[in-house]
C-alpha atoms as a PDB file:
ATOM      1  CA  ARG A   1       6.016  32.697   6.670  1.00  0.00           C
ATOM      2  CA  SER A   2       8.869  30.755   5.277  1.00  0.00           C
ATOM      3  CA  ARG A   3      12.498  30.998   3.206  1.00  0.00           C
ATOM      4  CA  PRO A   4      15.004  28.700   2.870  1.00  0.00           C
ATOM      5  CA  LYS A   5      15.631  27.091   6.202  1.00  0.00           C
ATOM      6  CA  VAL A   6      13.818  29.360   8.167  1.00  0.00           C
ATOM      7  CA  LEU A   7      10.529  28.604   9.590  1.00  0.00           C
ATOM      8  CA  TRP A   8       8.721  31.190  11.103  1.00  0.00           C
ATOM      9  CA  CYS A   9       5.221  30.387  13.142  1.00  0.00           C
ATOM     10  CA  THR A  10       3.691  30.300  16.779  1.00  0.00           C
ATOM     11  CA  PRO A  11       5.079  28.781  19.573  1.00  0.00           C
ATOM     12  CA  GLY A  12       2.179  26.480  19.676  1.00  0.00           C
ATOM     13  CA  HIS A  13       2.586  25.178  15.971  1.00  0.00           C
ATOM     14  CA  GLU A  14       3.405  21.862  15.813  1.00  0.00           C
ATOM     15  CA  ILE A  15       7.070  20.622  14.408  1.00  0.00           C
ATOM     16  CA  LEU A  16       7.579  17.299  13.012  1.00  0.00           C
ATOM     17  CA  THR A  17      11.530  16.032  14.510  1.00  0.00           C
ATOM     18  CA  THR A  18      13.304  13.680  14.514  1.00  0.00           C
ATOM     19  CA  SER A  19      12.132  12.663  18.401  1.00  0.00           C
ATOM     20  CA  GLY A  20       8.365  13.163  17.371  1.00  0.00           C
ATOM     21  CA  LYS A  21       6.237  16.180  16.908  1.00  0.00           C
ATOM     22  CA  ARG A  22       6.947  18.759  19.808  1.00  0.00           C
ATOM     23  CA  HIS A  23       5.545  23.177  19.899  1.00  0.00           C
ATOM     24  CA  ALA A  24       7.762  25.185  17.841  1.00  0.00           C
ATOM     25  CA  GLY A  25       8.318  26.513  22.103  1.00  0.00           C
ATOM     26  CA  ASP A  26       9.818  23.455  23.431  1.00  0.00           C
ATOM     27  CA  CYS A  27      12.530  23.572  20.296  1.00  0.00           C
ATOM     28  CA  GLU A  28      16.017  24.045  22.146  1.00  0.00           C
ATOM     29  CA  GLY A  29      16.732  27.317  20.210  1.00  0.00           C
ATOM     30  CA  ARG A  30      13.323  27.176  18.456  1.00  0.00           C
ATOM     31  CA  PHE A  31      15.324  25.112  16.230  1.00  0.00           C
ATOM     32  CA  ALA A  32      14.174  21.586  15.197  1.00  0.00           C
ATOM     33  CA  GLU A  33      16.049  19.129  13.504  1.00  0.00           C
ATOM     34  CA  VAL A  34      13.820  17.727  10.383  1.00  0.00           C
ATOM     35  CA  PRO A  35      14.326  14.343   9.688  1.00  0.00           C
ATOM     36  CA  SER A  36      14.637  13.236   5.570  1.00  0.00           C
ATOM     37  CA  HIS A  37      11.881  13.436   3.502  1.00  0.00           C
ATOM     38  CA  ALA A  38      12.709  10.296   1.413  1.00  0.00           C
ATOM     39  CA  LEU A  39      10.867   6.975   2.425  1.00  0.00           C
ATOM     40  CA  SER A  40      12.905   4.237   3.844  1.00  0.00           C
ATOM     41  CA  ALA A  41      13.818   1.226   2.650  1.00  0.00           C
ATOM     42  CA  GLY A  42      11.079  -0.478   4.456  1.00  0.00           C
ATOM     43  CA  GLN A  43       8.936   2.508   3.739  1.00  0.00           C
ATOM     44  CA  GLU A  44       8.876   1.998  -0.104  1.00  0.00           C
ATOM     45  CA  GLN A  45       8.759  -1.843   0.129  1.00  0.00           C
ATOM     46  CA  MET A  46       5.392  -1.332   2.026  1.00  0.00           C
ATOM     47  CA  VAL A  47       3.478   1.410  -0.209  1.00  0.00           C
ATOM     48  CA  LEU A  48       5.037  -0.854  -3.306  1.00  0.00           C
ATOM     49  CA  GLY A  49       4.157  -4.172  -1.724  1.00  0.00           C
ATOM     50  CA  SER A  50       0.483  -2.758  -0.680  1.00  0.00           C
ATOM     51  CA  LEU A  51      -0.100  -1.402  -3.722  1.00  0.00           C
ATOM     52  CA  LEU A  52      -0.441  -4.419  -5.707  1.00  0.00           C
ATOM     53  CA  GLY A  53      -3.494  -4.907  -3.187  1.00  0.00           C
ATOM     54  CA  ASP A  54      -5.669  -3.170  -1.188  1.00  0.00           C
ATOM     55  CA  ALA A  55      -3.781   0.405  -1.305  1.00  0.00           C
ATOM     56  CA  HIS A  56      -4.232   3.193  -3.673  1.00  0.00           C
ATOM     57  CA  LEU A  57      -2.228   6.449  -4.182  1.00  0.00           C
ATOM     58  CA  ASP A  58      -4.404   9.502  -5.474  1.00  0.00           C
ATOM     59  CA  GLY A  59      -3.706  13.199  -6.223  1.00  0.00           C
ATOM     60  CA  GLY A  60      -7.636  13.738  -6.655  1.00  0.00           C
ATOM     61  CA  ARG A  61      -8.258  17.007  -8.946  1.00  0.00           C
ATOM     62  CA  GLN A  62      -5.713  18.996  -6.838  1.00  0.00           C
ATOM     63  CA  LYS A  63      -2.400  19.649  -9.223  1.00  0.00           C
ATOM     64  CA  ALA A  64      -0.508  18.910  -6.317  1.00  0.00           C
ATOM     65  CA  ASN A  65       1.708  15.756  -4.854  1.00  0.00           C
ATOM     66  CA  HIS A  66      -0.328  12.224  -4.167  1.00  0.00           C
ATOM     67  CA  PHE A  67      -1.492  10.658  -0.810  1.00  0.00           C
ATOM     68  CA  TYR A  68      -1.245   6.915  -0.048  1.00  0.00           C
ATOM     69  CA  ARG A  69      -4.300   5.695   1.604  1.00  0.00           C
ATOM     70  CA  CYS A  70      -5.385   2.089   2.214  1.00  0.00           C
ATOM     71  CA  GLY A  71      -8.164   0.756   4.087  1.00  0.00           C
ATOM     72  CA  HIS A  72      -9.271  -2.764   5.921  1.00  0.00           C
ATOM     73  CA  GLY A  73     -11.757  -4.819   7.690  1.00  0.00           C
ATOM     74  CA  GLU A  74     -12.402  -4.922  11.522  1.00  0.00           C
ATOM     75  CA  ALA A  75     -10.350  -8.432  11.134  1.00  0.00           C
ATOM     76  CA  GLN A  76      -7.415  -6.885   9.719  1.00  0.00           C
ATOM     77  CA  ARG A  77      -7.554  -3.807  12.038  1.00  0.00           C
ATOM     78  CA  PRO A  78      -3.604  -4.866  13.943  1.00  0.00           C
ATOM     79  CA  TYR A  79      -2.388  -4.808  10.140  1.00  0.00           C
ATOM     80  CA  LEU A  80      -3.827  -1.371   9.374  1.00  0.00           C
ATOM     81  CA  GLU A  81      -2.202   0.022  12.712  1.00  0.00           C
ATOM     82  CA  PHE A  82       1.121  -1.595  11.583  1.00  0.00           C
ATOM     83  CA  LYS A  83       0.852   0.110   8.279  1.00  0.00           C
ATOM     84  CA  LYS A  84       0.147   3.527  10.478  1.00  0.00           C
ATOM     85  CA  GLN A  85       2.997   2.698  12.795  1.00  0.00           C
ATOM     86  CA  VAL A  86       5.682   2.764   9.147  1.00  0.00           C
ATOM     87  CA  LEU A  87       4.602   5.070   7.518  1.00  0.00           C
ATOM     88  CA  GLU A  88       4.286   7.514  11.370  1.00  0.00           C
ATOM     89  CA  PHE A  89       5.930  10.623   9.893  1.00  0.00           C
ATOM     90  CA  PHE A  90       3.557  10.914   6.739  1.00  0.00           C
ATOM     91  CA  VAL A  91       0.735   9.959   8.705  1.00  0.00           C
ATOM     92  CA  ASP A  92      -1.063  13.071  10.445  1.00  0.00           C
ATOM     93  CA  SER A  93      -4.527  12.025  11.369  1.00  0.00           C
ATOM     94  CA  ASP A  94      -5.732   9.427  12.792  1.00  0.00           C
ATOM     95  CA  ILE A  95      -7.606   6.091  11.239  1.00  0.00           C
ATOM     96  CA  GLN A  96     -10.587   6.825  10.007  1.00  0.00           C
ATOM     97  CA  GLU A  97     -14.040   4.260   9.951  1.00  0.00           C
ATOM     98  CA  GLN A  98     -16.448   4.057   7.218  1.00  0.00           C
ATOM     99  CA  VAL A  99     -19.363   1.755   6.186  1.00  0.00           C
ATOM    100  CA  LYS A 100     -18.830   0.324   2.854  1.00  0.00           C
ATOM    101  CA  LYS A 101     -21.342  -0.979   0.585  1.00  0.00           C
ATOM    102  CA  ALA A 102     -20.028  -4.329  -1.027  1.00  0.00           C
ATOM    103  CA  GLU A 103     -21.930  -7.123  -2.686  1.00  0.00           C
ATOM    104  CA  GLY A 104     -22.839 -11.063  -1.582  1.00  0.00           C
ATOM    105  CA  PRO A 105     -22.842 -11.586   2.451  1.00  0.00           C
ATOM    106  CA  TRP A 106     -20.291  -8.476   3.539  1.00  0.00           C
ATOM    107  CA  LYS A 107     -23.399  -6.025   2.236  1.00  0.00           C
ATOM    108  CA  CYS A 108     -22.250  -3.222   4.138  1.00  0.00           C
ATOM    109  CA  ARG A 109     -19.114  -3.865   6.254  1.00  0.00           C
ATOM    110  CA  LYS A 110     -16.750  -1.202   8.528  1.00  0.00           C
ATOM    111  CA  VAL A 111     -13.476  -0.913   7.665  1.00  0.00           C
ATOM    112  CA  GLY A 112     -11.170   1.541   8.362  1.00  0.00           C
ATOM    113  CA  VAL A 113      -8.986   3.719   6.169  1.00  0.00           C
ATOM    114  CA  LEU A 114      -5.390   4.893   6.828  1.00  0.00           C
ATOM    115  CA  THR A 115      -4.696   7.950   4.605  1.00  0.00           C
ATOM    116  CA  THR A 116      -1.284  10.120   4.525  1.00  0.00           C
ATOM    117  CA  ILE A 117      -0.184  13.602   4.392  1.00  0.00           C
ATOM    118  CA  ARG A 118       0.896  14.614   0.263  1.00  0.00           C
ATOM    119  CA  HIS A 119       4.177  13.958  -0.273  1.00  0.00           C
ATOM    120  CA  PRO A 120       6.519  14.273  -3.677  1.00  0.00           C
ATOM    121  CA  GLU A 121       7.394  10.611  -2.964  1.00  0.00           C
ATOM    122  CA  PHE A 122       4.189   9.367  -3.014  1.00  0.00           C
ATOM    123  CA  SER A 123       3.880  11.384  -6.360  1.00  0.00           C
ATOM    124  CA  ARG A 124       7.461   9.516  -7.631  1.00  0.00           C
ATOM    125  CA  LEU A 125       5.549   5.482  -6.799  1.00  0.00           C
ATOM    126  CA  TYR A 126       2.966   6.765  -8.231  1.00  0.00           C
ATOM    127  CA  ALA A 127       4.662   7.262 -11.887  1.00  0.00           C
ATOM    128  CA  LEU A 128       6.215   3.987 -11.400  1.00  0.00           C
ATOM    129  CA  ALA A 129       2.981   2.193 -10.398  1.00  0.00           C
ATOM    130  CA  TYR A 130       0.344   4.251 -12.689  1.00  0.00           C
ATOM    131  CA  LEU A 131      -0.598   4.841 -16.252  1.00  0.00           C
ATOM    132  CA  ASP A 132      -3.798   6.748 -17.432  1.00  0.00           C
ATOM    133  CA  GLY A 133      -4.589   6.673 -14.038  1.00  0.00           C
ATOM    134  CA  ARG A 134      -4.936   3.612 -13.197  1.00  0.00           C
ATOM    135  CA  LYS A 135      -2.359   0.746 -11.559  1.00  0.00           C
ATOM    136  CA  ARG A 136      -0.640  -0.809 -14.445  1.00  0.00           C
ATOM    137  CA  VAL A 137       1.748  -3.862 -12.977  1.00  0.00           C
ATOM    138  CA  SER A 138       5.376  -3.921 -14.685  1.00  0.00           C
ATOM    139  CA  ARG A 139       8.307  -5.325 -14.663  1.00  0.00           C
ATOM    140  CA  ASN A 140      10.005  -2.420 -13.789  1.00  0.00           C
ATOM    141  CA  TRP A 141       7.653  -2.091 -10.412  1.00  0.00           C
ATOM    142  CA  LEU A 142       7.878  -5.912  -9.657  1.00  0.00           C
ATOM    143  CA  ASP A 143      12.078  -6.017  -9.713  1.00  0.00           C
ATOM    144  CA  ARG A 144      11.769  -3.135  -7.022  1.00  0.00           C
ATOM    145  CA  LEU A 145      10.193  -5.488  -4.657  1.00  0.00           C
ATOM    146  CA  ASP A 146      11.961  -7.395  -1.710  1.00  0.00           C
ATOM    147  CA  GLU A 147      10.676 -10.478   0.872  1.00  0.00           C
ATOM    148  CA  ARG A 148       9.614  -7.292   2.783  1.00  0.00           C
ATOM    149  CA  GLY A 149       7.596  -6.128  -0.529  1.00  0.00           C
ATOM    150  CA  LEU A 150       6.038  -9.480  -1.651  1.00  0.00           C
ATOM    151  CA  ALA A 151       4.912 -10.278   2.002  1.00  0.00           C
ATOM    152  CA  VAL A 152       2.589  -7.293   2.453  1.00  0.00           C
ATOM    153  CA  TRP A 153       1.360  -8.329  -0.710  1.00  0.00           C
ATOM    154  CA  TYR A 154       0.356 -11.631   0.147  1.00  0.00           C
ATOM    155  CA  GLN A 155      -0.807 -10.123   3.738  1.00  0.00           C
ATOM    156  CA  ASP A 156      -2.992  -7.859   1.335  1.00  0.00           C
ATOM    157  CA  ASP A 157      -4.415 -10.267  -1.130  1.00  0.00           C
ATOM    158  CA  GLY A 158      -2.946 -13.461  -0.342  1.00  0.00           C
ATOM    159  CA  CYS A 159      -5.107 -16.174   0.838  1.00  0.00           C
ATOM    160  CA  MET A 160      -3.696 -19.988   2.140  1.00  0.00           C
ATOM    161  CA  THR A 161      -5.931 -22.868   2.642  1.00  0.00           C
ATOM    162  CA  SER A 162      -5.428 -26.550   3.049  1.00  0.00           C
ATOM    163  CA  LYS A 163      -6.871 -29.935   2.740  1.00  0.00           C
ATOM    164  CA  GLY A 164      -5.980 -32.609   4.949  1.00  0.00           C
ATOM    165  CA  GLY A 165      -4.114 -31.247   8.000  1.00  0.00           C
ATOM    166  CA  MET A 166      -0.972 -29.409   6.000  1.00  0.00           C
ATOM    167  CA  SER A 167      -0.946 -32.556   3.672  1.00  0.00           C
ATOM    168  CA  LYS A 168      -2.480 -30.161   0.705  1.00  0.00           C
ATOM    169  CA  ILE A 169      -1.735 -26.473   1.001  1.00  0.00           C
ATOM    170  CA  THR A 170      -3.099 -24.050  -1.994  1.00  0.00           C
ATOM    171  CA  VAL A 171      -2.188 -20.301  -1.680  1.00  0.00           C
ATOM    172  CA  THR A 172      -3.924 -17.844  -4.183  1.00  0.00           C
ATOM    173  CA  PHE A 173      -3.308 -14.117  -4.620  1.00  0.00           C
ATOM    174  CA  ASN A 174      -6.626 -12.502  -5.747  1.00  0.00           C
ATOM    175  CA  THR A 175      -5.791  -9.915  -8.530  1.00  0.00           C
ATOM    176  CA  GLN A 176      -8.779  -9.312  -9.621  1.00  0.00           C
ATOM    177  CA  GLY A 177      -8.423  -6.266 -10.810  1.00  0.00           C
ATOM    178  CA  PHE A 178      -5.411  -6.837 -13.199  1.00  0.00           C
ATOM    179  CA  THR A 179      -5.500  -7.792 -16.837  1.00  0.00           C
ATOM    180  CA  ARG A 180      -4.608 -11.100 -17.886  1.00  0.00           C
ATOM    181  CA  MET A 181      -1.485 -10.008 -19.319  1.00  0.00           C
ATOM    182  CA  GLU A 182      -0.375  -7.928 -16.070  1.00  0.00           C
ATOM    183  CA  VAL A 183      -1.079 -11.198 -14.102  1.00  0.00           C
ATOM    184  CA  GLY A 184       1.253 -12.954 -16.670  1.00  0.00           C
ATOM    185  CA  LEU A 185       3.489  -9.967 -15.401  1.00  0.00           C
ATOM    186  CA  LEU A 186       2.800 -11.296 -12.108  1.00  0.00           C
ATOM    187  CA  GLN A 187       3.146 -15.070 -12.183  1.00  0.00           C
ATOM    188  CA  GLN A 188       6.274 -14.545 -14.533  1.00  0.00           C
ATOM    189  CA  TRP A 189       8.305 -12.513 -11.798  1.00  0.00           C
ATOM    190  CA  LEU A 190       7.051 -15.075  -9.030  1.00  0.00           C
ATOM    191  CA  GLN A 191       8.919 -17.608 -10.992  1.00  0.00           C
ATOM    192  CA  ASP A 192      12.098 -15.642 -11.732  1.00  0.00           C
ATOM    193  CA  ARG A 193      12.790 -14.048  -8.754  1.00  0.00           C
ATOM    194  CA  TRP A 194      11.474 -16.681  -6.090  1.00  0.00           C
ATOM    195  CA  GLY A 195      11.187 -19.955  -8.001  1.00  0.00           C
ATOM    196  CA  VAL A 196       7.501 -20.280  -7.710  1.00  0.00           C
ATOM    197  CA  THR A 197       5.704 -21.854 -10.180  1.00  0.00           C
ATOM    198  CA  SER A 198       1.347 -21.175 -10.777  1.00  0.00           C
ATOM    199  CA  THR A 199      -1.439 -20.986 -12.753  1.00  0.00           C
ATOM    200  CA  SER A 200      -4.498 -18.741 -13.018  1.00  0.00           C
ATOM    201  CA  TYR A 201      -7.625 -18.922 -13.826  1.00  0.00           C
ATOM    202  CA  GLN A 202     -10.715 -16.364 -14.536  1.00  0.00           C
ATOM    203  CA  HIS A 203     -13.905 -16.098 -11.751  1.00  0.00           C
ATOM    204  CA  HIS A 204     -16.816 -16.615 -13.821  1.00  0.00           C
ATOM    205  CA  ARG A 205     -18.200 -13.623 -12.259  1.00  0.00           C
ATOM    206  CA  TYR A 206     -15.620 -11.492 -15.057  1.00  0.00           C
ATOM    207  CA  THR A 207     -16.408 -13.522 -17.971  1.00  0.00           C
ATOM    208  CA  GLY A 208     -16.375 -11.261 -20.776  1.00  0.00           C
ATOM    209  CA  ARG A 209     -14.089  -9.350 -18.953  1.00  0.00           C
ATOM    210  CA  ASP A 210     -10.052  -8.674 -19.047  1.00  0.00           C
ATOM    211  CA  MET A 211     -10.247  -8.744 -15.180  1.00  0.00           C
ATOM    212  CA  GLY A 212     -11.287 -11.086 -12.417  1.00  0.00           C
ATOM    213  CA  TRP A 213      -8.078 -13.424 -12.735  1.00  0.00           C
ATOM    214  CA  VAL A 214      -7.100 -15.224  -9.494  1.00  0.00           C
ATOM    215  CA  ILE A 215      -2.923 -16.656  -8.905  1.00  0.00           C
ATOM    216  CA  CYS A 216      -2.629 -20.412  -7.378  1.00  0.00           C
ATOM    217  CA  LEU A 217       0.642 -21.060  -6.494  1.00  0.00           C
ATOM    218  CA  SER A 218       2.114 -24.604  -7.712  1.00  0.00           C
ATOM    219  CA  SER A 219       4.892 -25.274  -5.977  1.00  0.00           C
ATOM    220  CA  VAL A 220       5.252 -23.414  -2.036  1.00  0.00           C
END
């Protein structure tokens, strides 16, 4: 039962406080100081950056707030644990292990999946990054990103290869899920915001479809 500023519950009920989760019966005076419900600047950068990469926001069929979900393979498990740590107050479950089917040499691979609680903050970012139920890259979204968001995007979808030691470095972003127009927006943003020129090409597997584009940085 609840009314404004009052929460009625059993002594064993877990309450999220500024010092972490505590049982209601252990809170002094049966009162808990609840932290801000807003995403911090760093948390927002991680969400917005990873939405360009491996993460997505979902509301399911319920007319409720959205939740954040992101999955990574076994080699990136420490990175996924880092994301969980950053979003600590929005996560109330362990990382789930799943086996996903894929094409090529990774026909079946184990992945860890991080899922947050439903929250109005994720619905706010959904309105920024989605249109008609799918991610839509926009300049408004990109202009919200700083160095932290760029770093998260690179860690999600970036790749660096070198030939002849460090004399020739190639950096690419796997943006296959975006349209040619969206990739063009990303390239223009990289140029305007970071002074990095780039080219793009379409992987042969996606011929005839407006997807499958890869961004290659020309200067790093």
